[in-house]
N, C-alpha and C. Protein backbone atom coordinates (compact mmCIF):
# COMPACT_ATOMS: atom_id res chain seq x y z
N MET A 1 -14.37 24.89 -14.51
CA MET A 1 -13.83 23.65 -14.98
C MET A 1 -14.82 22.55 -14.60
N SER A 2 -14.97 21.59 -15.46
CA SER A 2 -15.96 20.55 -15.23
C SER A 2 -15.43 19.44 -14.33
N VAL A 3 -16.35 18.73 -13.71
CA VAL A 3 -15.99 17.60 -12.85
C VAL A 3 -15.29 16.51 -13.67
N PRO A 4 -15.76 16.17 -14.88
CA PRO A 4 -15.04 15.16 -15.66
C PRO A 4 -13.59 15.55 -15.96
N THR A 5 -13.34 16.85 -16.18
CA THR A 5 -11.97 17.31 -16.41
C THR A 5 -11.11 17.06 -15.18
N LEU A 6 -11.64 17.40 -14.00
CA LEU A 6 -10.89 17.16 -12.76
C LEU A 6 -10.66 15.67 -12.54
N LYS A 7 -11.66 14.85 -12.82
CA LYS A 7 -11.50 13.40 -12.65
C LYS A 7 -10.43 12.84 -13.58
N ARG A 8 -10.39 13.33 -14.82
CA ARG A 8 -9.34 12.89 -15.75
C ARG A 8 -7.96 13.28 -15.22
N MET A 9 -7.85 14.49 -14.69
CA MET A 9 -6.57 14.96 -14.17
C MET A 9 -6.15 14.11 -12.96
N GLU A 10 -7.09 13.81 -12.07
CA GLU A 10 -6.80 13.04 -10.87
C GLU A 10 -6.43 11.60 -11.20
N GLY A 11 -7.08 11.02 -12.19
CA GLY A 11 -6.90 9.60 -12.48
C GLY A 11 -5.74 9.27 -13.40
N ALA A 12 -5.09 10.27 -13.93
CA ALA A 12 -4.01 10.02 -14.89
C ALA A 12 -2.72 9.64 -14.17
N PRO A 13 -2.03 8.63 -14.66
CA PRO A 13 -0.72 8.30 -14.09
C PRO A 13 0.33 9.30 -14.58
N GLY A 14 1.30 9.60 -13.77
CA GLY A 14 2.39 10.49 -14.19
C GLY A 14 1.96 11.94 -14.23
N ALA A 15 2.52 12.64 -15.19
CA ALA A 15 2.27 14.08 -15.32
C ALA A 15 0.78 14.35 -15.56
N VAL A 16 0.30 15.44 -15.01
CA VAL A 16 -1.11 15.79 -15.13
C VAL A 16 -1.42 16.20 -16.56
N PRO A 17 -2.39 15.51 -17.18
CA PRO A 17 -2.78 15.90 -18.53
C PRO A 17 -3.76 17.07 -18.47
N GLY A 18 -3.88 17.75 -19.55
CA GLY A 18 -4.89 18.81 -19.61
C GLY A 18 -4.31 20.09 -20.17
N MET A 19 -5.21 21.00 -20.44
CA MET A 19 -4.79 22.30 -20.95
C MET A 19 -4.05 23.03 -19.84
N THR A 20 -3.00 23.74 -20.20
CA THR A 20 -2.16 24.39 -19.19
C THR A 20 -2.94 25.37 -18.33
N ASN A 21 -3.95 26.04 -18.90
CA ASN A 21 -4.73 26.98 -18.10
C ASN A 21 -5.56 26.25 -17.04
N ASN A 22 -6.06 25.05 -17.34
CA ASN A 22 -6.80 24.27 -16.35
C ASN A 22 -5.89 23.76 -15.25
N VAL A 23 -4.73 23.27 -15.63
CA VAL A 23 -3.76 22.79 -14.63
C VAL A 23 -3.34 23.95 -13.73
N ALA A 24 -3.06 25.10 -14.31
CA ALA A 24 -2.66 26.27 -13.53
C ALA A 24 -3.78 26.70 -12.58
N ALA A 25 -5.03 26.60 -13.01
CA ALA A 25 -6.16 26.99 -12.16
C ALA A 25 -6.26 26.06 -10.95
N VAL A 26 -6.04 24.77 -11.15
CA VAL A 26 -6.07 23.82 -10.04
C VAL A 26 -4.93 24.11 -9.06
N VAL A 27 -3.75 24.36 -9.59
CA VAL A 27 -2.59 24.68 -8.73
C VAL A 27 -2.87 25.93 -7.91
N ARG A 28 -3.40 26.98 -8.54
CA ARG A 28 -3.71 28.22 -7.81
C ARG A 28 -4.74 27.97 -6.72
N ALA A 29 -5.77 27.19 -7.02
CA ALA A 29 -6.81 26.91 -6.02
C ALA A 29 -6.24 26.14 -4.85
N LEU A 30 -5.40 25.15 -5.11
CA LEU A 30 -4.80 24.38 -4.02
C LEU A 30 -3.86 25.23 -3.18
N GLU A 31 -3.06 26.06 -3.84
CA GLU A 31 -2.14 26.94 -3.11
C GLU A 31 -2.93 27.94 -2.25
N ALA A 32 -4.04 28.45 -2.78
CA ALA A 32 -4.87 29.38 -2.01
C ALA A 32 -5.48 28.70 -0.79
N ALA A 33 -5.64 27.38 -0.87
CA ALA A 33 -6.20 26.62 0.25
C ALA A 33 -5.13 26.19 1.25
N GLY A 34 -3.86 26.56 1.00
CA GLY A 34 -2.80 26.26 1.95
C GLY A 34 -1.91 25.09 1.61
N ILE A 35 -2.01 24.59 0.39
CA ILE A 35 -1.16 23.48 -0.05
C ILE A 35 0.14 24.06 -0.62
N ALA A 36 1.27 23.48 -0.21
CA ALA A 36 2.57 23.86 -0.76
C ALA A 36 3.09 22.69 -1.58
N PHE A 37 3.49 22.94 -2.81
CA PHE A 37 4.06 21.90 -3.67
C PHE A 37 5.56 21.83 -3.41
N LEU A 38 6.06 20.62 -3.18
CA LEU A 38 7.47 20.41 -2.86
C LEU A 38 8.17 19.79 -4.05
N ALA A 39 9.30 20.33 -4.40
CA ALA A 39 10.09 19.81 -5.52
C ALA A 39 10.83 18.55 -5.10
N ASP A 40 11.23 17.75 -6.06
CA ASP A 40 12.04 16.57 -5.78
C ASP A 40 13.29 17.01 -5.03
N GLY A 41 13.60 16.36 -3.94
CA GLY A 41 14.76 16.70 -3.14
C GLY A 41 14.42 17.51 -1.90
N GLU A 42 13.22 18.09 -1.84
CA GLU A 42 12.82 18.85 -0.66
C GLU A 42 12.38 17.92 0.48
N VAL A 43 12.00 16.71 0.12
CA VAL A 43 11.64 15.70 1.12
C VAL A 43 12.32 14.39 0.73
N ALA A 44 12.53 13.53 1.70
CA ALA A 44 13.26 12.29 1.45
C ALA A 44 12.61 11.42 0.38
N ALA A 45 11.29 11.41 0.32
CA ALA A 45 10.59 10.54 -0.62
C ALA A 45 10.49 11.11 -2.02
N GLY A 46 10.95 12.32 -2.26
CA GLY A 46 10.85 12.95 -3.58
C GLY A 46 9.84 14.07 -3.56
N ALA A 47 9.31 14.39 -4.71
CA ALA A 47 8.35 15.48 -4.82
C ALA A 47 7.07 15.14 -4.07
N GLY A 48 6.34 16.17 -3.64
CA GLY A 48 5.10 15.92 -2.91
C GLY A 48 4.39 17.21 -2.58
N VAL A 49 3.50 17.14 -1.61
CA VAL A 49 2.76 18.31 -1.15
C VAL A 49 2.79 18.36 0.36
N SER A 50 2.53 19.53 0.91
CA SER A 50 2.49 19.73 2.35
C SER A 50 1.52 20.85 2.65
N LEU A 51 0.97 20.83 3.84
CA LEU A 51 0.15 21.96 4.29
C LEU A 51 1.07 23.05 4.80
N ARG A 52 0.83 24.29 4.39
CA ARG A 52 1.64 25.41 4.89
C ARG A 52 1.25 25.69 6.33
N ALA A 53 2.21 26.12 7.09
CA ALA A 53 1.95 26.51 8.48
C ALA A 53 1.12 27.77 8.49
N LYS A 54 0.15 27.84 9.40
CA LYS A 54 -0.66 29.05 9.54
C LYS A 54 0.17 30.11 10.21
N VAL A 55 0.04 31.34 9.74
CA VAL A 55 0.80 32.44 10.32
C VAL A 55 -0.06 33.31 11.18
């Protein structure tokens, strides 16, 4: 995936734009790095991200 594609995804307000395969690839890479995506209601402030605890 190109750097301009990532920059467009990062800079967009609201939902992440882009082809679903690119968005899925970014999600997989972040999850593999230990990021957990939190749904709305899992934290007081709404949806977000957290670092997973090391096991």
